[in-house]
């Protein structure tokens, strides 16, 4: 069986009323909202750093990174649905803020379509593809392209 025939296993989550997914192999863990310490002079999309069991992890706000509207005020900071997905990107752990974790799904690679030119304000350079999941569209993020190498280096320096 060729690698393209194997289904893609994705961790899915809601972000600004849309359903997104990332390859489960890029996910280190999912944690509840915790206190994030702000970092002075950091790029606007970096919320700060999180001390997770003694490890310092930068936290990225994808709403700001992708210019998406924030979740409704009912899903504000104290909401039990909000949390972080800790990703392993280029050997670094980076947390992204999510509005709500959905579930783990398997997608047949043949069902993944190329993204439209502009999708919910996110540039196609960050998107691996789009797949239909029941009555919704699932936007599959390419974690290796969310940050260019210079941004990754700056994030490493900040933390």
Foldseek 3Di string as FASTA:
>chain_A
DDPLQFWFKWWWAAFQNAIETEGPVFFPDKFWDDDFDCFPPDPPQWRHWDQDVNDIATEGEVCVLQVHDGPPPVLDDVHRQKTWTWGQEPNGTHIYIGSGTDGMDIGNSVQFAQDDCADRSGGSQQFPGWGDDPPHIYTYGDRHRSDDPVSVVVSVVRD
